[in-house]
PDB file of N, CA and C in Angstrom:
ATOM      1  N   SER A   1     106.723 108.449 115.142  1.00  0.00           N
ATOM      2  CA  SER A   1     105.888 109.235 116.031  1.00  0.00           C
ATOM      3  C   SER A   1     104.427 108.858 115.821  1.00  0.00           C
ATOM      4  N   GLN A   2     103.711 108.780 116.908  1.00  0.00           N
ATOM      5  CA  GLN A   2     102.291 108.447 116.825  1.00  0.00           C
ATOM      6  C   GLN A   2     101.519 109.511 116.049  1.00  0.00           C
ATOM      7  N   ASP A   3     101.998 110.748 116.071  1.00  0.00           N
ATOM      8  CA  ASP A   3     101.332 111.816 115.318  1.00  0.00           C
ATOM      9  C   ASP A   3     101.378 111.574 113.816  1.00  0.00           C
ATOM     10  N   GLU A   4     102.328 110.788 113.350  1.00  0.00           N
ATOM     11  CA  GLU A   4     102.477 110.494 111.925  1.00  0.00           C
ATOM     12  C   GLU A   4     101.679 109.262 111.491  1.00  0.00           C
ATOM     13  N   LEU A   5     101.073 108.564 112.441  1.00  0.00           N
ATOM     14  CA  LEU A   5     100.294 107.365 112.148  1.00  0.00           C
ATOM     15  C   LEU A   5      98.977 107.738 111.478  1.00  0.00           C
ATOM     16  N   ILE A   6      98.745 107.168 110.295  1.00  0.00           N
ATOM     17  CA  ILE A   6      97.517 107.430 109.546  1.00  0.00           C
ATOM     18  C   ILE A   6      96.496 106.322 109.767  1.00  0.00           C
ATOM     19  N   SER A   7      96.954 105.059 109.710  1.00  0.00           N
ATOM     20  CA  SER A   7      96.035 103.929 109.826  1.00  0.00           C
ATOM     21  C   SER A   7      96.740 102.697 110.378  1.00  0.00           C
ATOM     22  N   LYS A   8      96.008 101.935 111.190  1.00  0.00           N
ATOM     23  CA  LYS A   8      96.507 100.665 111.720  1.00  0.00           C
ATOM     24  C   LYS A   8      95.888  99.476 110.992  1.00  0.00           C
ATOM     25  N   SER A   9      95.140  99.735 109.921  1.00  0.00           N
ATOM     26  CA  SER A   9      94.405  98.654 109.254  1.00  0.00           C
ATOM     27  C   SER A   9      95.003  98.265 107.901  1.00  0.00           C
ATOM     28  N   PHE A  10      96.315  98.029 107.881  1.00  0.00           N
ATOM     29  CA  PHE A  10      96.994  97.599 106.661  1.00  0.00           C
ATOM     30  C   PHE A  10      97.607  96.226 106.869  1.00  0.00           C
ATOM     31  N   SER A  11      97.932  95.564 105.771  1.00  0.00           N
ATOM     32  CA  SER A  11      98.582  94.265 105.826  1.00  0.00           C
ATOM     33  C   SER A  11      99.966  94.365 105.207  1.00  0.00           C
ATOM     34  N   GLY A  12     100.944  93.741 105.869  1.00  0.00           N
ATOM     35  CA  GLY A  12     102.302  93.684 105.349  1.00  0.00           C
ATOM     36  C   GLY A  12     102.619  92.276 104.894  1.00  0.00           C
ATOM     37  N   ARG A  13     103.882  91.997 104.651  1.00  0.00           N
ATOM     38  CA  ARG A  13     104.290  90.648 104.240  1.00  0.00           C
ATOM     39  C   ARG A  13     104.014  89.627 105.337  1.00  0.00           C
ATOM     40  N   ASP A  14     104.207  90.052 106.595  1.00  0.00           N
ATOM     41  CA  ASP A  14     104.112  89.122 107.719  1.00  0.00           C
ATOM     42  C   ASP A  14     102.967  89.446 108.668  1.00  0.00           C
ATOM     43  N   GLY A  15     101.899  90.026 108.152  1.00  0.00           N
ATOM     44  CA  GLY A  15     100.746  90.311 109.007  1.00  0.00           C
ATOM     45  C   GLY A  15     100.411  91.788 109.077  1.00  0.00           C
ATOM     46  N   LYS A  16      99.962  92.210 110.249  1.00  0.00           N
ATOM     47  CA  LYS A  16      99.484  93.565 110.469  1.00  0.00           C
ATOM     48  C   LYS A  16     100.563  94.603 110.171  1.00  0.00           C
ATOM     49  N   ALA A  17     100.127  95.735 109.581  1.00  0.00           N
ATOM     50  CA  ALA A  17     101.051  96.823 109.257  1.00  0.00           C
ATOM     51  C   ALA A  17     100.345  98.155 109.471  1.00  0.00           C
ATOM     52  N   TYR A  18     101.145  99.215 109.585  1.00  0.00           N
ATOM     53  CA  TYR A  18     100.639 100.557 109.818  1.00  0.00           C
ATOM     54  C   TYR A  18     101.046 101.479 108.680  1.00  0.00           C
ATOM     55  N   LEU A  19     100.180 102.427 108.351  1.00  0.00           N
ATOM     56  CA  LEU A  19     100.475 103.432 107.337  1.00  0.00           C
ATOM     57  C   LEU A  19     100.872 104.720 108.045  1.00  0.00           C
ATOM     58  N   PHE A  20     102.067 105.242 107.699  1.00  0.00           N
ATOM     59  CA  PHE A  20     102.587 106.456 108.311  1.00  0.00           C
ATOM     60  C   PHE A  20     102.768 107.557 107.276  1.00  0.00           C
ATOM     61  N   ALA A  21     102.675 108.811 107.726  1.00  0.00           N
ATOM     62  CA  ALA A  21     102.909 109.966 106.872  1.00  0.00           C
ATOM     63  C   ALA A  21     104.399 110.220 106.693  1.00  0.00           C
ATOM     64  N   SER A  22     105.223 109.814 107.662  1.00  0.00           N
ATOM     65  CA  SER A  22     106.671 110.004 107.557  1.00  0.00           C
ATOM     66  C   SER A  22     107.380 109.024 108.487  1.00  0.00           C
ATOM     67  N   THR A  23     108.687 108.905 108.319  1.00  0.00           N
ATOM     68  CA  THR A  23     109.503 108.053 109.186  1.00  0.00           C
ATOM     69  C   THR A  23     110.807 108.783 109.515  1.00  0.00           C
ATOM     70  N   LEU A  24     111.498 108.275 110.493  1.00  0.00           N
ATOM     71  CA  LEU A  24     112.820 108.789 110.874  1.00  0.00           C
ATOM     72  C   LEU A  24     113.806 107.640 110.886  1.00  0.00           C
ATOM     73  N   ASN A  25     115.065 107.943 110.646  1.00  0.00           N
ATOM     74  CA  ASN A  25     116.144 106.954 110.735  1.00  0.00           C
ATOM     75  C   ASN A  25     115.918 105.731 109.856  1.00  0.00           C
ATOM     76  N   THR A  26     115.432 105.982 108.649  1.00  0.00           N
ATOM     77  CA  THR A  26     115.193 104.895 107.696  1.00  0.00           C
ATOM     78  C   THR A  26     115.861 105.214 106.362  1.00  0.00           C
ATOM     79  N   THR A  27     116.074 104.180 105.568  1.00  0.00           N
ATOM     80  CA  THR A  27     116.610 104.334 104.216  1.00  0.00           C
ATOM     81  C   THR A  27     115.709 103.587 103.243  1.00  0.00           C
ATOM     82  N   LEU A  28     115.744 104.020 101.994  1.00  0.00           N
ATOM     83  CA  LEU A  28     114.923 103.397 100.955  1.00  0.00           C
ATOM     84  C   LEU A  28     115.779 102.575 100.013  1.00  0.00           C
ATOM     85  N   GLY A  29     115.218 101.443  99.582  1.00  0.00           N
ATOM     86  CA  GLY A  29     115.871 100.597  98.596  1.00  0.00           C
ATOM     87  C   GLY A  29     115.514 101.038  97.188  1.00  0.00           C
ATOM     88  N   THR A  30     115.693 100.147  96.248  1.00  0.00           N
ATOM     89  CA  THR A  30     115.442 100.406  94.836  1.00  0.00           C
ATOM     90  C   THR A  30     113.948 100.354  94.524  1.00  0.00           C
ATOM     91  N   LYS A  31     113.492 101.239  93.643  1.00  0.00           N
ATOM     92  CA  LYS A  31     112.090 101.228  93.206  1.00  0.00           C
ATOM     93  C   LYS A  31     111.807  99.962  92.408  1.00  0.00           C
ATOM     94  N   GLU A  32     110.611  99.418  92.616  1.00  0.00           N
ATOM     95  CA  GLU A  32     110.154  98.275  91.816  1.00  0.00           C
ATOM     96  C   GLU A  32     108.638  98.245  91.804  1.00  0.00           C
ATOM     97  N   ASP A  33     108.076  97.723  90.726  1.00  0.00           N
ATOM     98  CA  ASP A  33     106.630  97.513  90.668  1.00  0.00           C
ATOM     99  C   ASP A  33     106.328  96.213  91.389  1.00  0.00           C
ATOM    100  N   ARG A  34     105.370  96.277  92.297  1.00  0.00           N
ATOM    101  CA  ARG A  34     105.024  95.108  93.105  1.00  0.00           C
ATOM    102  C   ARG A  34     103.514  94.931  93.100  1.00  0.00           C
ATOM    103  N   HIS A  35     103.074  93.689  92.917  1.00  0.00           N
ATOM    104  CA  HIS A  35     101.648  93.376  92.965  1.00  0.00           C
ATOM    105  C   HIS A  35     101.275  93.126  94.422  1.00  0.00           C
ATOM    106  N   LEU A  36     100.528  94.061  95.016  1.00  0.00           N
ATOM    107  CA  LEU A  36     100.085  93.957  96.407  1.00  0.00           C
ATOM    108  C   LEU A  36      98.603  93.609  96.442  1.00  0.00           C
ATOM    109  N   LEU A  37      98.042  93.483  97.629  1.00  0.00           N
ATOM    110  CA  LEU A  37      96.635  93.109  97.764  1.00  0.00           C
ATOM    111  C   LEU A  37      95.690  94.072  97.050  1.00  0.00           C
ATOM    112  N   THR A  38      96.067  95.340  96.969  1.00  0.00           N
ATOM    113  CA  THR A  38      95.201  96.354  96.367  1.00  0.00           C
ATOM    114  C   THR A  38      95.623  96.740  94.957  1.00  0.00           C
ATOM    115  N   GLY A  39      96.441  95.927  94.312  1.00  0.00           N
ATOM    116  CA  GLY A  39      96.837  96.189  92.936  1.00  0.00           C
ATOM    117  C   GLY A  39      98.335  96.418  92.798  1.00  0.00           C
ATOM    118  N   ILE A  40      98.729  96.909  91.640  1.00  0.00           N
ATOM    119  CA  ILE A  40     100.146  97.146  91.363  1.00  0.00           C
ATOM    120  C   ILE A  40     100.534  98.530  91.876  1.00  0.00           C
ATOM    121  N   HIS A  41     101.651  98.575  92.597  1.00  0.00           N
ATOM    122  CA  HIS A  41     102.197  99.818  93.125  1.00  0.00           C
ATOM    123  C   HIS A  41     103.694  99.853  92.835  1.00  0.00           C
ATOM    124  N   THR A  42     104.235 101.053  92.635  1.00  0.00           N
ATOM    125  CA  THR A  42     105.680 101.227  92.568  1.00  0.00           C
ATOM    126  C   THR A  42     106.128 101.552  93.984  1.00  0.00           C
ATOM    127  N   VAL A  43     106.964 100.685  94.547  1.00  0.00           N
ATOM    128  CA  VAL A  43     107.380 100.805  95.944  1.00  0.00           C
ATOM    129  C   VAL A  43     108.887 100.618  96.067  1.00  0.00           C
ATOM    130  N   CYS A  44     109.421 100.960  97.222  1.00  0.00           N
ATOM    131  CA  CYS A  44     110.797 100.567  97.563  1.00  0.00           C
ATOM    132  C   CYS A  44     110.786 100.138  99.018  1.00  0.00           C
ATOM    133  N   ASP A  45     111.620  99.139  99.301  1.00  0.00           N
ATOM    134  CA  ASP A  45     111.702  98.646 100.666  1.00  0.00           C
ATOM    135  C   ASP A  45     112.241  99.727 101.589  1.00  0.00           C
ATOM    136  N   LEU A  46     111.758  99.698 102.813  1.00  0.00           N
ATOM    137  CA  LEU A  46     112.128 100.641 103.855  1.00  0.00           C
ATOM    138  C   LEU A  46     112.934  99.887 104.895  1.00  0.00           C
ATOM    139  N   SER A  47     114.129 100.382 105.210  1.00  0.00           N
ATOM    140  CA  SER A  47     115.008  99.699 106.161  1.00  0.00           C
ATOM    141  C   SER A  47     115.429 100.640 107.273  1.00  0.00           C
ATOM    142  N   CYS A  48     115.781 100.059 108.412  1.00  0.00           N
ATOM    143  CA  CYS A  48     116.316 100.811 109.540  1.00  0.00           C
ATOM    144  C   CYS A  48     117.714 101.308 109.176  1.00  0.00           C
ATOM    145  N   LYS A  49     117.947 102.588 109.381  1.00  0.00           N
ATOM    146  CA  LYS A  49     119.246 103.177 109.065  1.00  0.00           C
ATOM    147  C   LYS A  49     120.343 102.619 109.976  1.00  0.00           C
ATOM    148  N   GLY A  50     119.988 102.232 111.199  1.00  0.00           N
ATOM    149  CA  GLY A  50     120.965 101.719 112.149  1.00  0.00           C
ATOM    150  C   GLY A  50     121.367 100.275 111.928  1.00  0.00           C
ATOM    151  N   CYS A  51     120.375  99.382 111.870  1.00  0.00           N
ATOM    152  CA  CYS A  51     120.681  97.945 111.796  1.00  0.00           C
ATOM    153  C   CYS A  51     120.464  97.336 110.415  1.00  0.00           C
ATOM    154  N   GLY A  52     119.778  98.044 109.526  1.00  0.00           N
ATOM    155  CA  GLY A  52     119.547  97.530 108.177  1.00  0.00           C
ATOM    156  C   GLY A  52     118.348  96.607 108.038  1.00  0.00           C
ATOM    157  N   LYS A  53     117.617  96.347 109.116  1.00  0.00           N
ATOM    158  CA  LYS A  53     116.460  95.460 109.080  1.00  0.00           C
ATOM    159  C   LYS A  53     115.346  96.060 108.214  1.00  0.00           C
ATOM    160  N   THR A  54     114.725  95.240 107.366  1.00  0.00           N
ATOM    161  CA  THR A  54     113.607  95.699 106.540  1.00  0.00           C
ATOM    162  C   THR A  54     112.388  95.896 107.440  1.00  0.00           C
ATOM    163  N   LEU A  55     111.797  97.086 107.349  1.00  0.00           N
ATOM    164  CA  LEU A  55     110.660  97.456 108.195  1.00  0.00           C
ATOM    165  C   LEU A  55     109.335  97.458 107.450  1.00  0.00           C
ATOM    166  N   GLY A  56     109.393  97.644 106.142  1.00  0.00           N
ATOM    167  CA  GLY A  56     108.177  97.755 105.343  1.00  0.00           C
ATOM    168  C   GLY A  56     108.527  98.294 103.974  1.00  0.00           C
ATOM    169  N   TRP A  57     107.725  99.250 103.468  1.00  0.00           N
ATOM    170  CA  TRP A  57     107.999  99.837 102.160  1.00  0.00           C
ATOM    171  C   TRP A  57     107.422 101.242 102.055  1.00  0.00           C
ATOM    172  N   TYR A  58     107.862 101.955 101.020  1.00  0.00           N
ATOM    173  CA  TYR A  58     107.426 103.300 100.706  1.00  0.00           C
ATOM    174  C   TYR A  58     106.652 103.255  99.389  1.00  0.00           C
ATOM    175  N   TYR A  59     105.497 103.914  99.356  1.00  0.00           N
ATOM    176  CA  TYR A  59     104.686 103.966  98.137  1.00  0.00           C
ATOM    177  C   TYR A  59     105.117 105.143  97.266  1.00  0.00           C
ATOM    178  N   TRP A  60     105.757 104.873  96.132  1.00  0.00           N
ATOM    179  CA  TRP A  60     106.097 105.920  95.164  1.00  0.00           C
ATOM    180  C   TRP A  60     104.891 106.232  94.290  1.00  0.00           C
ATOM    181  N   LYS A  61     104.245 105.178  93.790  1.00  0.00           N
ATOM    182  CA  LYS A  61     103.138 105.383  92.855  1.00  0.00           C
ATOM    183  C   LYS A  61     102.112 104.276  93.000  1.00  0.00           C
ATOM    184  N   ALA A  62     100.853 104.670  92.988  1.00  0.00           N
ATOM    185  CA  ALA A  62      99.743 103.725  92.956  1.00  0.00           C
ATOM    186  C   ALA A  62      99.134 103.805  91.562  1.00  0.00           C
ATOM    187  N   TRP A  63      98.990 102.686  90.925  1.00  0.00           N
ATOM    188  CA  TRP A  63      98.508 102.675  89.541  1.00  0.00           C
ATOM    189  C   TRP A  63      96.995 102.761  89.428  1.00  0.00           C
ATOM    190  N   GLU A  64      96.280 102.396  90.482  1.00  0.00           N
ATOM    191  CA  GLU A  64      94.824 102.496  90.470  1.00  0.00           C
ATOM    192  C   GLU A  64      94.399 103.791  91.153  1.00  0.00           C
ATOM    193  N   HIS A  65      93.449 104.471  90.552  1.00  0.00           N
ATOM    194  CA  HIS A  65      93.009 105.774  91.055  1.00  0.00           C
ATOM    195  C   HIS A  65      92.572 105.715  92.528  1.00  0.00           C
ATOM    196  N   SER A  66      91.882 104.668  92.912  1.00  0.00           N
ATOM    197  CA  SER A  66      91.373 104.560  94.284  1.00  0.00           C
ATOM    198  C   SER A  66      92.480 104.395  95.323  1.00  0.00           C
ATOM    199  N   GLN A  67      93.690 104.110  94.895  1.00  0.00           N
ATOM    200  CA  GLN A  67      94.816 103.881  95.807  1.00  0.00           C
ATOM    201  C   GLN A  67      95.799 105.058  95.850  1.00  0.00           C
ATOM    202  N   LYS A  68      95.520 106.134  95.137  1.00  0.00           N
ATOM    203  CA  LYS A  68      96.427 107.280  95.043  1.00  0.00           C
ATOM    204  C   LYS A  68      96.750 107.909  96.402  1.00  0.00           C
ATOM    205  N   TYR A  69      95.861 107.774  97.382  1.00  0.00           N
ATOM    206  CA  TYR A  69      96.095 108.367  98.704  1.00  0.00           C
ATOM    207  C   TYR A  69      97.331 107.778  99.392  1.00  0.00           C
ATOM    208  N   LYS A  70      97.808 106.629  98.944  1.00  0.00           N
ATOM    209  CA  LYS A  70      98.978 105.977  99.541  1.00  0.00           C
ATOM    210  C   LYS A  70     100.298 106.566  99.057  1.00  0.00           C
ATOM    211  N   GLU A  71     100.277 107.267  97.947  1.00  0.00           N
ATOM    212  CA  GLU A  71     101.514 107.799  97.377  1.00  0.00           C
ATOM    213  C   GLU A  71     102.199 108.737  98.366  1.00  0.00           C
ATOM    214  N   GLY A  72     103.522 108.539  98.526  1.00  0.00           N
ATOM    215  CA  GLY A  72     104.288 109.359  99.443  1.00  0.00           C
ATOM    216  C   GLY A  72     104.160 108.955 100.901  1.00  0.00           C
ATOM    217  N   LYS A  73     103.583 107.776 101.145  1.00  0.00           N
ATOM    218  CA  LYS A  73     103.387 107.286 102.514  1.00  0.00           C
ATOM    219  C   LYS A  73     104.210 106.019 102.749  1.00  0.00           C
ATOM    220  N   TRP A  74     104.375 105.668 104.003  1.00  0.00           N
ATOM    221  CA  TRP A  74     105.202 104.532 104.413  1.00  0.00           C
ATOM    222  C   TRP A  74     104.368 103.467 105.098  1.00  0.00           C
ATOM    223  N   ILE A  75     104.650 102.207 104.780  1.00  0.00           N
ATOM    224  CA  ILE A  75     104.076 101.060 105.483  1.00  0.00           C
ATOM    225  C   ILE A  75     105.166 100.502 106.392  1.00  0.00           C
ATOM    226  N   MET A  76     104.823 100.318 107.662  1.00  0.00           N
ATOM    227  CA  MET A  76     105.752  99.688 108.598  1.00  0.00           C
ATOM    228  C   MET A  76     105.032  98.488 109.219  1.00  0.00           C
ATOM    229  N   GLU A  77     105.686  97.335 109.147  1.00  0.00           N
ATOM    230  CA  GLU A  77     105.075  96.116 109.652  1.00  0.00           C
ATOM    231  C   GLU A  77     105.188  96.035 111.174  1.00  0.00           C
ATOM    232  N   LYS A  78     104.102  95.636 111.805  1.00  0.00           N
ATOM    233  CA  LYS A  78     104.042  95.569 113.265  1.00  0.00           C
ATOM    234  C   LYS A  78     105.151  94.690 113.832  1.00  0.00           C
ATOM    235  N   VAL A  79     105.429  93.553 113.206  1.00  0.00           N
ATOM    236  CA  VAL A  79     106.450  92.632 113.729  1.00  0.00           C
ATOM    237  C   VAL A  79     107.851  93.237 113.697  1.00  0.00           C
ATOM    238  N   ALA A  80     108.052  94.278 112.884  1.00  0.00           N
ATOM    239  CA  ALA A  80     109.378  94.893 112.754  1.00  0.00           C
ATOM    240  C   ALA A  80     109.583  96.056 113.719  1.00  0.00           C
ATOM    241  N   LEU A  81     108.514  96.463 114.410  1.00  0.00           N
ATOM    242  CA  LEU A  81     108.592  97.648 115.278  1.00  0.00           C
ATOM    243  C   LEU A  81     108.733  97.265 116.744  1.00  0.00           C
ATOM    244  N   ASN A  82     109.411  98.114 117.486  1.00  0.00           N
ATOM    245  CA  ASN A  82     109.523  97.971 118.937  1.00  0.00           C
ATOM    246  C   ASN A  82     108.664  99.042 119.588  1.00  0.00           C
ATOM    247  N   LYS A  83     107.827  98.631 120.521  1.00  0.00           N
ATOM    248  CA  LYS A  83     106.934  99.552 121.204  1.00  0.00           C
ATOM    249  C   LYS A  83     107.738 100.349 122.242  1.00  0.00           C
ATOM    250  N   VAL A  84     107.702 101.693 122.119  1.00  0.00           N
ATOM    251  CA  VAL A  84     108.458 102.535 123.030  1.00  0.00           C
ATOM    252  C   VAL A  84     107.540 103.249 124.014  1.00  0.00           C
ATOM    253  N   ASN A  85     106.315 103.572 123.597  1.00  0.00           N
ATOM    254  CA  ASN A  85     105.383 104.240 124.488  1.00  0.00           C
ATOM    255  C   ASN A  85     104.074 103.443 124.573  1.00  0.00           C
ATOM    256  N   ALA A  86     103.026 104.052 125.019  1.00  0.00           N
ATOM    257  CA  ALA A  86     101.783 103.325 125.273  1.00  0.00           C
ATOM    258  C   ALA A  86     100.856 103.162 124.078  1.00  0.00           C
ATOM    259  N   TRP A  87     101.290 103.447 122.852  1.00  0.00           N
ATOM    260  CA  TRP A  87     100.362 103.319 121.737  1.00  0.00           C
ATOM    261  C   TRP A  87     100.385 101.925 121.219  1.00  0.00           C
TER     262      TRP A  87
END
C-alpha cells in the first residue's frame, strides 16, 4: 500500500528500492548479518508468499545508532515490484 511507503530513496541489490512500514503476502527467510551500504545490519530476505520471488529484505537490527530508524521496516526493490496504481 502506498500509505505504508516511507521512502523512495533507498538502494537494493539491483538498483532503486523503497522503504516500507509493512508488507502483505510476504514471507521472511533466515536472519543473517549483512554488510550493506550504511553498515552492518541483521536482516532476512523478503519473498513473495505466492511465487517465492525475492523482493528485498527486512531489517531486524541496525548496529549503528544512526540507522536504528530502519529496524522493523521492509526494503522492496523496484525491479521486483509490479505497478498496480498510479504511484
